[in-house]
């Protein structure tokens, strides 16, 4: 099994984009979110911190969902075979019956 590398990059830069009125990070691309703050936020550590944390949280949740989804698919393929069904049915040794009263 391969090891896992986790990378994070935070960029704070000037933009001509309009301010996000709802102050919620929006998806730009797979694994990439952004939040546009007003220019006064450049001098406000609390506003910058909230922006970085909000954007990072959305990015983290998306990355975790993608990683866990991929790992689950890989495990299912390993256990069940390539077409989604069992590669070989194991001998269960158990019989089930419908018992009506």
PDB file of N, CA and C in Angstrom:
ATOM      1  N   UNK A   1       0.843  -1.183   0.000  1.00  0.00           N
ATOM      2  CA  UNK A   1       0.000   0.000   0.000  1.00  0.00           C
ATOM      3  C   UNK A   1       0.884   1.240   0.000  1.00  0.00           C
ATOM      4  N   UNK A   2       0.476   2.235  -0.752  1.00  0.00           N
ATOM      5  CA  UNK A   2       1.236   3.475  -0.837  1.00  0.00           C
ATOM      6  C   UNK A   2       0.941   4.371   0.358  1.00  0.00           C
ATOM      7  N   UNK A   3       1.890   5.215   0.690  1.00  0.00           N
ATOM      8  CA  UNK A   3       1.700   6.218   1.732  1.00  0.00           C
ATOM      9  C   UNK A   3       0.784   7.323   1.219  1.00  0.00           C
ATOM     10  N   UNK A   4       0.355   8.204   2.094  1.00  0.00           N
ATOM     11  CA  UNK A   4      -0.570   9.275   1.740  1.00  0.00           C
ATOM     12  C   UNK A   4       0.109  10.622   1.977  1.00  0.00           C
ATOM     13  N   UNK A   5       0.064  11.496   0.995  1.00  0.00           N
ATOM     14  CA  UNK A   5       0.626  12.839   1.125  1.00  0.00           C
ATOM     15  C   UNK A   5      -0.522  13.837   1.214  1.00  0.00           C
ATOM     16  N   UNK A   6      -0.461  14.741   2.172  1.00  0.00           N
ATOM     17  CA  UNK A   6      -1.469  15.780   2.338  1.00  0.00           C
ATOM     18  C   UNK A   6      -0.794  17.121   2.079  1.00  0.00           C
ATOM     19  N   UNK A   7      -1.354  17.929   1.169  1.00  0.00           N
ATOM     20  CA  UNK A   7      -0.784  19.234   0.829  1.00  0.00           C
ATOM     21  C   UNK A   7      -1.850  20.308   0.991  1.00  0.00           C
ATOM     22  N   UNK A   8      -1.458  21.452   1.514  1.00  0.00           N
ATOM     23  CA  UNK A   8      -2.366  22.583   1.661  1.00  0.00           C
ATOM     24  C   UNK A   8      -1.647  23.826   1.160  1.00  0.00           C
ATOM     25  N   UNK A   9      -2.358  24.662   0.405  1.00  0.00           N
ATOM     26  CA  UNK A   9      -1.791  25.924  -0.055  1.00  0.00           C
ATOM     27  C   UNK A   9      -2.819  27.018   0.186  1.00  0.00           C
ATOM     28  N   UNK A  10      -2.407  28.097   0.812  1.00  0.00           N
ATOM     29  CA  UNK A  10      -3.290  29.228   1.068  1.00  0.00           C
ATOM     30  C   UNK A  10      -2.727  30.425   0.320  1.00  0.00           C
ATOM     31  N   UNK A  11      -3.559  31.078  -0.468  1.00  0.00           N
ATOM     32  CA  UNK A  11      -3.144  32.240  -1.228  1.00  0.00           C
ATOM     33  C   UNK A  11      -4.037  33.418  -0.857  1.00  0.00           C
ATOM     34  N   UNK A  12      -3.425  34.529  -0.498  1.00  0.00           N
ATOM     35  CA  UNK A  12      -4.155  35.762  -0.237  1.00  0.00           C
ATOM     36  C   UNK A  12      -3.619  36.785  -1.229  1.00  0.00           C
ATOM     37  N   UNK A  13      -4.489  37.254  -2.137  1.00  0.00           N
ATOM     38  CA  UNK A  13      -4.023  38.146  -3.198  1.00  0.00           C
ATOM     39  C   UNK A  13      -5.124  39.132  -3.586  1.00  0.00           C
ATOM     40  N   UNK A  14      -4.741  40.240  -4.192  1.00  0.00           N
ATOM     41  CA  UNK A  14      -5.745  41.211  -4.650  1.00  0.00           C
ATOM     42  C   UNK A  14      -6.571  40.621  -5.789  1.00  0.00           C
ATOM     43  N   UNK A  15      -7.828  41.055  -5.893  1.00  0.00           N
ATOM     44  CA  UNK A  15      -8.707  40.580  -6.958  1.00  0.00           C
ATOM     45  C   UNK A  15      -9.706  41.661  -7.326  1.00  0.00           C
ATOM     46  N   UNK A  16     -10.200  41.610  -8.532  1.00  0.00           N
ATOM     47  CA  UNK A  16     -11.257  42.508  -8.998  1.00  0.00           C
ATOM     48  C   UNK A  16     -12.633  41.867  -8.809  1.00  0.00           C
ATOM     49  N   UNK A  17     -12.664  40.623  -8.326  1.00  0.00           N
ATOM     50  CA  UNK A  17     -13.934  39.911  -8.124  1.00  0.00           C
ATOM     51  C   UNK A  17     -14.758  40.616  -7.051  1.00  0.00           C
ATOM     52  N   UNK A  18     -16.066  40.467  -7.144  1.00  0.00           N
ATOM     53  CA  UNK A  18     -16.937  41.093  -6.152  1.00  0.00           C
ATOM     54  C   UNK A  18     -16.904  40.315  -4.843  1.00  0.00           C
ATOM     55  N   UNK A  19     -17.186  41.034  -3.770  1.00  0.00           N
ATOM     56  CA  UNK A  19     -17.170  40.455  -2.429  1.00  0.00           C
ATOM     57  C   UNK A  19     -18.289  39.431  -2.298  1.00  0.00           C
ATOM     58  N   UNK A  20     -17.996  38.306  -1.650  1.00  0.00           N
ATOM     59  CA  UNK A  20     -19.004  37.280  -1.403  1.00  0.00           C
ATOM     60  C   UNK A  20     -19.923  37.759  -0.283  1.00  0.00           C
ATOM     61  N   UNK A  21     -21.146  38.128  -0.634  1.00  0.00           N
ATOM     62  CA  UNK A  21     -22.083  38.702   0.328  1.00  0.00           C
ATOM     63  C   UNK A  21     -22.417  37.743   1.467  1.00  0.00           C
ATOM     64  N   UNK A  22     -22.499  36.450   1.159  1.00  0.00           N
ATOM     65  CA  UNK A  22     -22.866  35.482   2.196  1.00  0.00           C
ATOM     66  C   UNK A  22     -21.680  35.040   3.042  1.00  0.00           C
ATOM     67  N   UNK A  23     -20.471  35.479   2.680  1.00  0.00           N
ATOM     68  CA  UNK A  23     -19.243  35.146   3.410  1.00  0.00           C
ATOM     69  C   UNK A  23     -19.032  33.646   3.562  1.00  0.00           C
ATOM     70  N   UNK A  24     -19.411  32.884   2.522  1.00  0.00           N
ATOM     71  CA  UNK A  24     -19.224  31.440   2.504  1.00  0.00           C
ATOM     72  C   UNK A  24     -18.324  31.094   1.323  1.00  0.00           C
ATOM     73  N   UNK A  25     -17.376  30.206   1.552  1.00  0.00           N
ATOM     74  CA  UNK A  25     -16.466  29.788   0.491  1.00  0.00           C
ATOM     75  C   UNK A  25     -17.235  29.080  -0.620  1.00  0.00           C
ATOM     76  N   UNK A  26     -16.835  29.331  -1.848  1.00  0.00           N
ATOM     77  CA  UNK A  26     -17.476  28.689  -2.988  1.00  0.00           C
ATOM     78  C   UNK A  26     -16.448  27.869  -3.762  1.00  0.00           C
ATOM     79  N   UNK A  27     -16.922  26.792  -4.371  1.00  0.00           N
ATOM     80  CA  UNK A  27     -16.042  25.891  -5.136  1.00  0.00           C
ATOM     81  C   UNK A  27     -15.611  26.578  -6.430  1.00  0.00           C
ATOM     82  N   UNK A  28     -14.304  26.524  -6.677  1.00  0.00           N
ATOM     83  CA  UNK A  28     -13.744  27.044  -7.916  1.00  0.00           C
ATOM     84  C   UNK A  28     -13.440  25.887  -8.854  1.00  0.00           C
ATOM     85  N   UNK A  29     -12.892  24.827  -8.302  1.00  0.00           N
ATOM     86  CA  UNK A  29     -12.479  23.659  -9.068  1.00  0.00           C
ATOM     87  C   UNK A  29     -12.417  22.501  -8.078  1.00  0.00           C
ATOM     88  N   UNK A  30     -12.148  21.312  -8.555  1.00  0.00           N
ATOM     89  CA  UNK A  30     -12.017  20.153  -7.660  1.00  0.00           C
ATOM     90  C   UNK A  30     -10.922  20.429  -6.637  1.00  0.00           C
ATOM     91  N   UNK A  31     -11.283  20.389  -5.365  1.00  0.00           N
ATOM     92  CA  UNK A  31     -10.315  20.606  -4.298  1.00  0.00           C
ATOM     93  C   UNK A  31      -9.899  22.050  -4.114  1.00  0.00           C
ATOM     94  N   UNK A  32     -10.612  22.988  -4.747  1.00  0.00           N
ATOM     95  CA  UNK A  32     -10.240  24.396  -4.640  1.00  0.00           C
ATOM     96  C   UNK A  32     -11.482  25.238  -4.355  1.00  0.00           C
ATOM     97  N   UNK A  33     -11.415  26.004  -3.280  1.00  0.00           N
ATOM     98  CA  UNK A  33     -12.502  26.894  -2.885  1.00  0.00           C
ATOM     99  C   UNK A  33     -11.938  28.297  -2.720  1.00  0.00           C
ATOM    100  N   UNK A  34     -12.820  29.300  -2.764  1.00  0.00           N
ATOM    101  CA  UNK A  34     -12.357  30.663  -2.554  1.00  0.00           C
ATOM    102  C   UNK A  34     -13.417  31.477  -1.850  1.00  0.00           C
ATOM    103  N   UNK A  35     -12.963  32.546  -1.218  1.00  0.00           N
ATOM    104  CA  UNK A  35     -13.825  33.493  -0.536  1.00  0.00           C
ATOM    105  C   UNK A  35     -13.253  34.868  -0.805  1.00  0.00           C
ATOM    106  N   UNK A  36     -14.061  35.782  -1.328  1.00  0.00           N
ATOM    107  CA  UNK A  36     -13.610  37.144  -1.607  1.00  0.00           C
ATOM    108  C   UNK A  36     -14.088  38.044  -0.474  1.00  0.00           C
ATOM    109  N   UNK A  37     -13.133  38.691   0.189  1.00  0.00           N
ATOM    110  CA  UNK A  37     -13.409  39.609   1.297  1.00  0.00           C
ATOM    111  C   UNK A  37     -13.232  41.047   0.813  1.00  0.00           C
ATOM    112  N   UNK A  38     -13.803  42.009   1.546  1.00  0.00           N
ATOM    113  CA  UNK A  38     -13.625  43.405   1.162  1.00  0.00           C
ATOM    114  C   UNK A  38     -12.189  43.849   1.449  1.00  0.00           C
ATOM    115  N   UNK A  39     -11.766  44.944   0.828  1.00  0.00           N
ATOM    116  CA  UNK A  39     -10.380  45.376   0.927  1.00  0.00           C
ATOM    117  C   UNK A  39      -9.963  45.735   2.349  1.00  0.00           C
ATOM    118  N   UNK A  40     -10.905  46.132   3.189  1.00  0.00           N
ATOM    119  CA  UNK A  40     -10.585  46.446   4.579  1.00  0.00           C
ATOM    120  C   UNK A  40     -10.139  45.224   5.373  1.00  0.00           C
ATOM    121  N   UNK A  41     -10.489  44.045   4.895  1.00  0.00           N
ATOM    122  CA  UNK A  41     -10.123  42.807   5.588  1.00  0.00           C
ATOM    123  C   UNK A  41      -8.621  42.556   5.564  1.00  0.00           C
ATOM    124  N   UNK A  42      -7.920  43.189   4.621  1.00  0.00           N
ATOM    125  CA  UNK A  42      -6.472  43.011   4.531  1.00  0.00           C
ATOM    126  C   UNK A  42      -5.774  43.450   5.811  1.00  0.00           C
ATOM    127  N   UNK A  43      -6.380  44.371   6.538  1.00  0.00           N
ATOM    128  CA  UNK A  43      -5.781  44.896   7.771  1.00  0.00           C
ATOM    129  C   UNK A  43      -6.468  44.361   9.024  1.00  0.00           C
ATOM    130  N   UNK A  44      -7.366  43.405   8.846  1.00  0.00           N
ATOM    131  CA  UNK A  44      -8.142  42.862   9.970  1.00  0.00           C
ATOM    132  C   UNK A  44      -7.792  41.383  10.141  1.00  0.00           C
ATOM    133  N   UNK A  45      -6.963  41.093  11.144  1.00  0.00           N
ATOM    134  CA  UNK A  45      -6.503  39.714  11.363  1.00  0.00           C
ATOM    135  C   UNK A  45      -7.673  38.768  11.607  1.00  0.00           C
ATOM    136  N   UNK A  46      -8.703  39.232  12.301  1.00  0.00           N
ATOM    137  CA  UNK A  46      -9.856  38.366  12.572  1.00  0.00           C
ATOM    138  C   UNK A  46     -10.614  38.023  11.284  1.00  0.00           C
ATOM    139  N   UNK A  47     -10.787  39.005  10.402  1.00  0.00           N
ATOM    140  CA  UNK A  47     -11.479  38.755   9.139  1.00  0.00           C
ATOM    141  C   UNK A  47     -10.654  37.830   8.241  1.00  0.00           C
ATOM    142  N   UNK A  48      -9.337  38.061   8.190  1.00  0.00           N
ATOM    143  CA  UNK A  48      -8.474  37.185   7.385  1.00  0.00           C
ATOM    144  C   UNK A  48      -8.473  35.763   7.933  1.00  0.00           C
ATOM    145  N   UNK A  49      -8.373  35.659   9.257  1.00  0.00           N
ATOM    146  CA  UNK A  49      -8.375  34.337   9.883  1.00  0.00           C
ATOM    147  C   UNK A  49      -9.686  33.608   9.608  1.00  0.00           C
ATOM    148  N   UNK A  50     -10.807  34.309   9.738  1.00  0.00           N
ATOM    149  CA  UNK A  50     -12.112  33.689   9.470  1.00  0.00           C
ATOM    150  C   UNK A  50     -12.204  33.253   8.009  1.00  0.00           C
ATOM    151  N   UNK A  51     -11.694  34.070   7.103  1.00  0.00           N
ATOM    152  CA  UNK A  51     -11.703  33.718   5.683  1.00  0.00           C
ATOM    153  C   UNK A  51     -10.862  32.496   5.384  1.00  0.00           C
ATOM    154  N   UNK A  52      -9.663  32.453   5.977  1.00  0.00           N
ATOM    155  CA  UNK A  52      -8.778  31.304   5.761  1.00  0.00           C
ATOM    156  C   UNK A  52      -9.388  30.042   6.364  1.00  0.00           C
ATOM    157  N   UNK A  53      -9.919  30.149   7.575  1.00  0.00           N
ATOM    158  CA  UNK A  53     -10.509  28.975   8.229  1.00  0.00           C
ATOM    159  C   UNK A  53     -11.750  28.478   7.484  1.00  0.00           C
ATOM    160  N   UNK A  54     -12.609  29.399   7.055  1.00  0.00           N
ATOM    161  CA  UNK A  54     -13.816  28.998   6.331  1.00  0.00           C
ATOM    162  C   UNK A  54     -13.487  28.334   5.007  1.00  0.00           C
ATOM    163  N   UNK A  55     -12.534  28.895   4.289  1.00  0.00           N
ATOM    164  CA  UNK A  55     -12.133  28.317   3.012  1.00  0.00           C
ATOM    165  C   UNK A  55     -11.422  26.988   3.216  1.00  0.00           C
ATOM    166  N   UNK A  56     -10.558  26.939   4.214  1.00  0.00           N
ATOM    167  CA  UNK A  56      -9.822  25.704   4.504  1.00  0.00           C
ATOM    168  C   UNK A  56     -10.763  24.584   4.913  1.00  0.00           C
ATOM    169  N   UNK A  57     -11.779  24.913   5.709  1.00  0.00           N
ATOM    170  CA  UNK A  57     -12.719  23.895   6.165  1.00  0.00           C
ATOM    171  C   UNK A  57     -13.447  23.265   4.977  1.00  0.00           C
ATOM    172  N   UNK A  58     -13.951  24.083   4.066  1.00  0.00           N
ATOM    173  CA  UNK A  58     -14.653  23.549   2.898  1.00  0.00           C
ATOM    174  C   UNK A  58     -13.714  22.703   2.042  1.00  0.00           C
ATOM    175  N   UNK A  59     -12.484  23.160   1.869  1.00  0.00           N
ATOM    176  CA  UNK A  59     -11.505  22.420   1.079  1.00  0.00           C
ATOM    177  C   UNK A  59     -11.170  21.094   1.749  1.00  0.00           C
ATOM    178  N   UNK A  60     -11.000  21.127   3.082  1.00  0.00           N
ATOM    179  CA  UNK A  60     -10.683  19.908   3.831  1.00  0.00           C
ATOM    180  C   UNK A  60     -11.805  18.886   3.719  1.00  0.00           C
ATOM    181  N   UNK A  61     -13.045  19.317   3.885  1.00  0.00           N
ATOM    182  CA  UNK A  61     -14.182  18.392   3.810  1.00  0.00           C
ATOM    183  C   UNK A  61     -14.285  17.770   2.421  1.00  0.00           C
ATOM    184  N   UNK A  62     -14.067  18.577   1.391  1.00  0.00           N
ATOM    185  CA  UNK A  62     -14.121  18.072   0.026  1.00  0.00           C
ATOM    186  C   UNK A  62     -13.005  17.060  -0.226  1.00  0.00           C
ATOM    187  N   UNK A  63     -11.796  17.394   0.228  1.00  0.00           N
ATOM    188  CA  UNK A  63     -10.651  16.488   0.035  1.00  0.00           C
ATOM    189  C   UNK A  63     -10.861  15.169   0.775  1.00  0.00           C
ATOM    190  N   UNK A  64     -11.371  15.245   2.005  1.00  0.00           N
ATOM    191  CA  UNK A  64     -11.632  14.029   2.772  1.00  0.00           C
ATOM    192  C   UNK A  64     -12.695  13.163   2.092  1.00  0.00           C
ATOM    193  N   UNK A  65     -13.750  13.794   1.602  1.00  0.00           N
ATOM    194  CA  UNK A  65     -14.807  13.044   0.922  1.00  0.00           C
ATOM    195  C   UNK A  65     -14.258  12.356  -0.325  1.00  0.00           C
ATOM    196  N   UNK A  66     -13.447  13.070  -1.096  1.00  0.00           N
ATOM    197  CA  UNK A  66     -12.854  12.490  -2.298  1.00  0.00           C
ATOM    198  C   UNK A  66     -11.914  11.332  -1.955  1.00  0.00           C
ATOM    199  N   UNK A  67     -11.069  11.534  -0.935  1.00  0.00           N
ATOM    200  CA  UNK A  67     -10.107  10.496  -0.556  1.00  0.00           C
ATOM    201  C   UNK A  67     -10.802   9.255  -0.015  1.00  0.00           C
ATOM    202  N   UNK A  68     -11.783   9.450   0.860  1.00  0.00           N
ATOM    203  CA  UNK A  68     -12.490   8.308   1.431  1.00  0.00           C
ATOM    204  C   UNK A  68     -13.346   7.598   0.374  1.00  0.00           C
ATOM    205  N   UNK A  69     -13.953   8.367  -0.524  1.00  0.00           N
ATOM    206  CA  UNK A  69     -14.724   7.759  -1.610  1.00  0.00           C
ATOM    207  C   UNK A  69     -13.840   6.910  -2.502  1.00  0.00           C
ATOM    208  N   UNK A  70     -12.658   7.426  -2.847  1.00  0.00           N
ATOM    209  CA  UNK A  70     -11.719   6.670  -3.680  1.00  0.00           C
ATOM    210  C   UNK A  70     -11.211   5.429  -2.973  1.00  0.00           C
ATOM    211  N   UNK A  71     -10.912   5.565  -1.685  1.00  0.00           N
ATOM    212  CA  UNK A  71     -10.431   4.414  -0.918  1.00  0.00           C
ATOM    213  C   UNK A  71     -11.520   3.349  -0.811  1.00  0.00           C
ATOM    214  N   UNK A  72     -12.767   3.767  -0.623  1.00  0.00           N
ATOM    215  CA  UNK A  72     -13.879   2.818  -0.540  1.00  0.00           C
ATOM    216  C   UNK A  72     -14.076   2.081  -1.860  1.00  0.00           C
ATOM    217  N   UNK A  73     -13.987   2.828  -2.976  1.00  0.00           N
ATOM    218  CA  UNK A  73     -14.124   2.182  -4.286  1.00  0.00           C
ATOM    219  C   UNK A  73     -12.993   1.185  -4.516  1.00  0.00           C
ATOM    220  N   UNK A  74     -11.768   1.576  -4.143  1.00  0.00           N
ATOM    221  CA  UNK A  74     -10.627   0.677  -4.313  1.00  0.00           C
ATOM    222  C   UNK A  74     -10.801  -0.589  -3.474  1.00  0.00           C
ATOM    223  N   UNK A  75     -11.265  -0.426  -2.242  1.00  0.00           N
ATOM    224  CA  UNK A  75     -11.464  -1.576  -1.358  1.00  0.00           C
ATOM    225  C   UNK A  75     -12.581  -2.475  -1.889  1.00  0.00           C
ATOM    226  N   UNK A  76     -13.664  -1.860  -2.379  1.00  0.00           N
ATOM    227  CA  UNK A  76     -14.770  -2.647  -2.931  1.00  0.00           C
ATOM    228  C   UNK A  76     -14.308  -3.433  -4.152  1.00  0.00           C
ATOM    229  N   UNK A  77     -13.496  -2.816  -4.990  1.00  0.00           N
ATOM    230  CA  UNK A  77     -12.971  -3.506  -6.165  1.00  0.00           C
ATOM    231  C   UNK A  77     -12.066  -4.653  -5.742  1.00  0.00           C
ATOM    232  N   UNK A  78     -11.268  -4.418  -4.715  1.00  0.00           N
ATOM    233  CA  UNK A  78     -10.356  -5.450  -4.211  1.00  0.00           C
ATOM    234  C   UNK A  78     -11.143  -6.638  -3.666  1.00  0.00           C
ATOM    235  N   UNK A  79     -12.227  -6.357  -2.954  1.00  0.00           N
ATOM    236  CA  UNK A  79     -13.013  -7.413  -2.323  1.00  0.00           C
ATOM    237  C   UNK A  79     -13.989  -8.057  -3.302  1.00  0.00           C
ATOM    238  N   UNK A  80     -14.618  -7.244  -4.139  1.00  0.00           N
ATOM    239  CA  UNK A  80     -15.712  -7.741  -4.969  1.00  0.00           C
ATOM    240  C   UNK A  80     -15.356  -7.973  -6.426  1.00  0.00           C
ATOM    241  N   UNK A  81     -14.203  -7.642  -6.838  1.00  0.00           N
ATOM    242  CA  UNK A  81     -13.865  -7.806  -8.243  1.00  0.00           C
ATOM    243  C   UNK A  81     -14.144  -6.547  -9.034  1.00  0.00           C
ATOM    244  N   UNK A  82     -13.743  -6.532 -10.262  1.00  0.00           N
ATOM    245  CA  UNK A  82     -13.790  -5.334 -11.099  1.00  0.00           C
ATOM    246  C   UNK A  82     -15.199  -4.905 -11.477  1.00  0.00           C
ATOM    247  N   UNK A  83     -16.140  -5.829 -11.658  1.00  0.00           N
ATOM    248  CA  UNK A  83     -17.466  -5.468 -12.143  1.00  0.00           C
ATOM    249  C   UNK A  83     -18.454  -5.199 -11.028  1.00  0.00           C
ATOM    250  N   UNK A  84     -17.991  -5.122  -9.800  1.00  0.00           N
ATOM    251  CA  UNK A  84     -18.875  -4.805  -8.696  1.00  0.00           C
ATOM    252  C   UNK A  84     -19.479  -6.010  -8.009  1.00  0.00           C
ATOM    253  N   UNK A  85     -19.329  -7.178  -8.573  1.00  0.00           N
ATOM    254  CA  UNK A  85     -19.830  -8.393  -7.942  1.00  0.00           C
ATOM    255  C   UNK A  85     -18.679  -9.155  -7.322  1.00  0.00           C
ATOM    256  N   UNK A  86     -18.971 -10.112  -6.490  1.00  0.00           N
ATOM    257  CA  UNK A  86     -17.896 -10.871  -5.859  1.00  0.00           C
ATOM    258  C   UNK A  86     -17.043 -11.590  -6.897  1.00  0.00           C
ATOM    259  N   UNK A  87     -15.740 -11.549  -6.709  1.00  0.00           N
ATOM    260  CA  UNK A  87     -14.837 -12.264  -7.602  1.00  0.00           C
ATOM    261  C   UNK A  87     -15.087 -13.754  -7.463  1.00  0.00           C
ATOM    262  N   UNK A  88     -15.331 -14.179  -6.249  1.00  0.00           N
ATOM    263  CA  UNK A  88     -15.634 -15.570  -5.960  1.00  0.00           C
ATOM    264  C   UNK A  88     -16.479 -15.598  -4.698  1.00  0.00           C
ATOM    265  N   UNK A  89     -17.611 -16.278  -4.743  1.00  0.00           N
ATOM    266  CA  UNK A  89     -18.436 -16.357  -3.542  1.00  0.00           C
ATOM    267  C   UNK A  89     -17.778 -17.291  -2.538  1.00  0.00           C
ATOM    268  N   UNK A  90     -17.529 -16.824  -1.340  1.00  0.00           N
ATOM    269  CA  UNK A  90     -16.958 -17.718  -0.337  1.00  0.00           C
ATOM    270  C   UNK A  90     -18.018 -18.702   0.150  1.00  0.00           C
ATOM    271  N   UNK A  91     -17.581 -19.847   0.601  1.00  0.00           N
ATOM    272  CA  UNK A  91     -18.502 -20.828   1.156  1.00  0.00           C
ATOM    273  C   UNK A  91     -18.996 -20.315   2.497  1.00  0.00           C
ATOM    274  N   UNK A  92     -20.308 -20.115   2.602  1.00  0.00           N
ATOM    275  CA  UNK A  92     -20.873 -19.524   3.808  1.00  0.00           C
ATOM    276  C   UNK A  92     -21.179 -20.575   4.876  1.00  0.00           C
ATOM    277  N   UNK A  93     -21.608 -21.747   4.463  1.00  0.00           N
ATOM    278  CA  UNK A  93     -21.942 -22.767   5.434  1.00  0.00           C
ATOM    279  C   UNK A  93     -23.184 -22.465   6.248  1.00  0.00           C
ATOM    280  N   UNK A  94     -23.990 -21.494   5.800  1.00  0.00           N
ATOM    281  CA  UNK A  94     -25.187 -21.095   6.524  1.00  0.00           C
ATOM    282  C   UNK A  94     -26.369 -21.146   5.566  1.00  0.00           C
ATOM    283  N   UNK A  95     -27.466 -21.706   6.027  1.00  0.00           N
ATOM    284  CA  UNK A  95     -28.673 -21.745   5.222  1.00  0.00           C
ATOM    285  C   UNK A  95     -29.713 -20.875   5.907  1.00  0.00           C
ATOM    286  N   UNK A  96     -30.396 -20.070   5.162  1.00  0.00           N
ATOM    287  CA  UNK A  96     -31.450 -19.237   5.733  1.00  0.00           C
ATOM    288  C   UNK A  96     -32.787 -19.695   5.203  1.00  0.00           C
ATOM    289  N   UNK A  97     -33.811 -19.637   6.024  1.00  0.00           N
ATOM    290  CA  UNK A  97     -35.157 -20.018   5.621  1.00  0.00           C
ATOM    291  C   UNK A  97     -36.130 -18.984   6.118  1.00  0.00           C
ATOM    292  N   UNK A  98     -37.183 -18.808   5.368  1.00  0.00           N
ATOM    293  CA  UNK A  98     -38.244 -17.939   5.794  1.00  0.00           C
ATOM    294  C   UNK A  98     -39.156 -18.764   6.697  1.00  0.00           C
ATOM    295  N   UNK A  99     -39.328 -18.302   7.900  1.00  0.00           N
ATOM    296  CA  UNK A  99     -40.166 -19.045   8.841  1.00  0.00           C
ATOM    297  C   UNK A  99     -41.452 -18.261   9.038  1.00  0.00           C
ATOM    298  N   UNK A 100     -42.585 -18.828   8.597  1.00  0.00           N
ATOM    299  CA  UNK A 100     -43.890 -18.185   8.746  1.00  0.00           C
ATOM    300  C   UNK A 100     -44.622 -18.791   9.922  1.00  0.00           C
ATOM    301  N   UNK A 101     -45.349 -17.985  10.624  1.00  0.00           N
ATOM    302  CA  UNK A 101     -46.147 -18.490  11.756  1.00  0.00           C
ATOM    303  C   UNK A 101     -47.588 -18.557  11.393  1.00  0.00           C
TER     304      UNK A 101
END
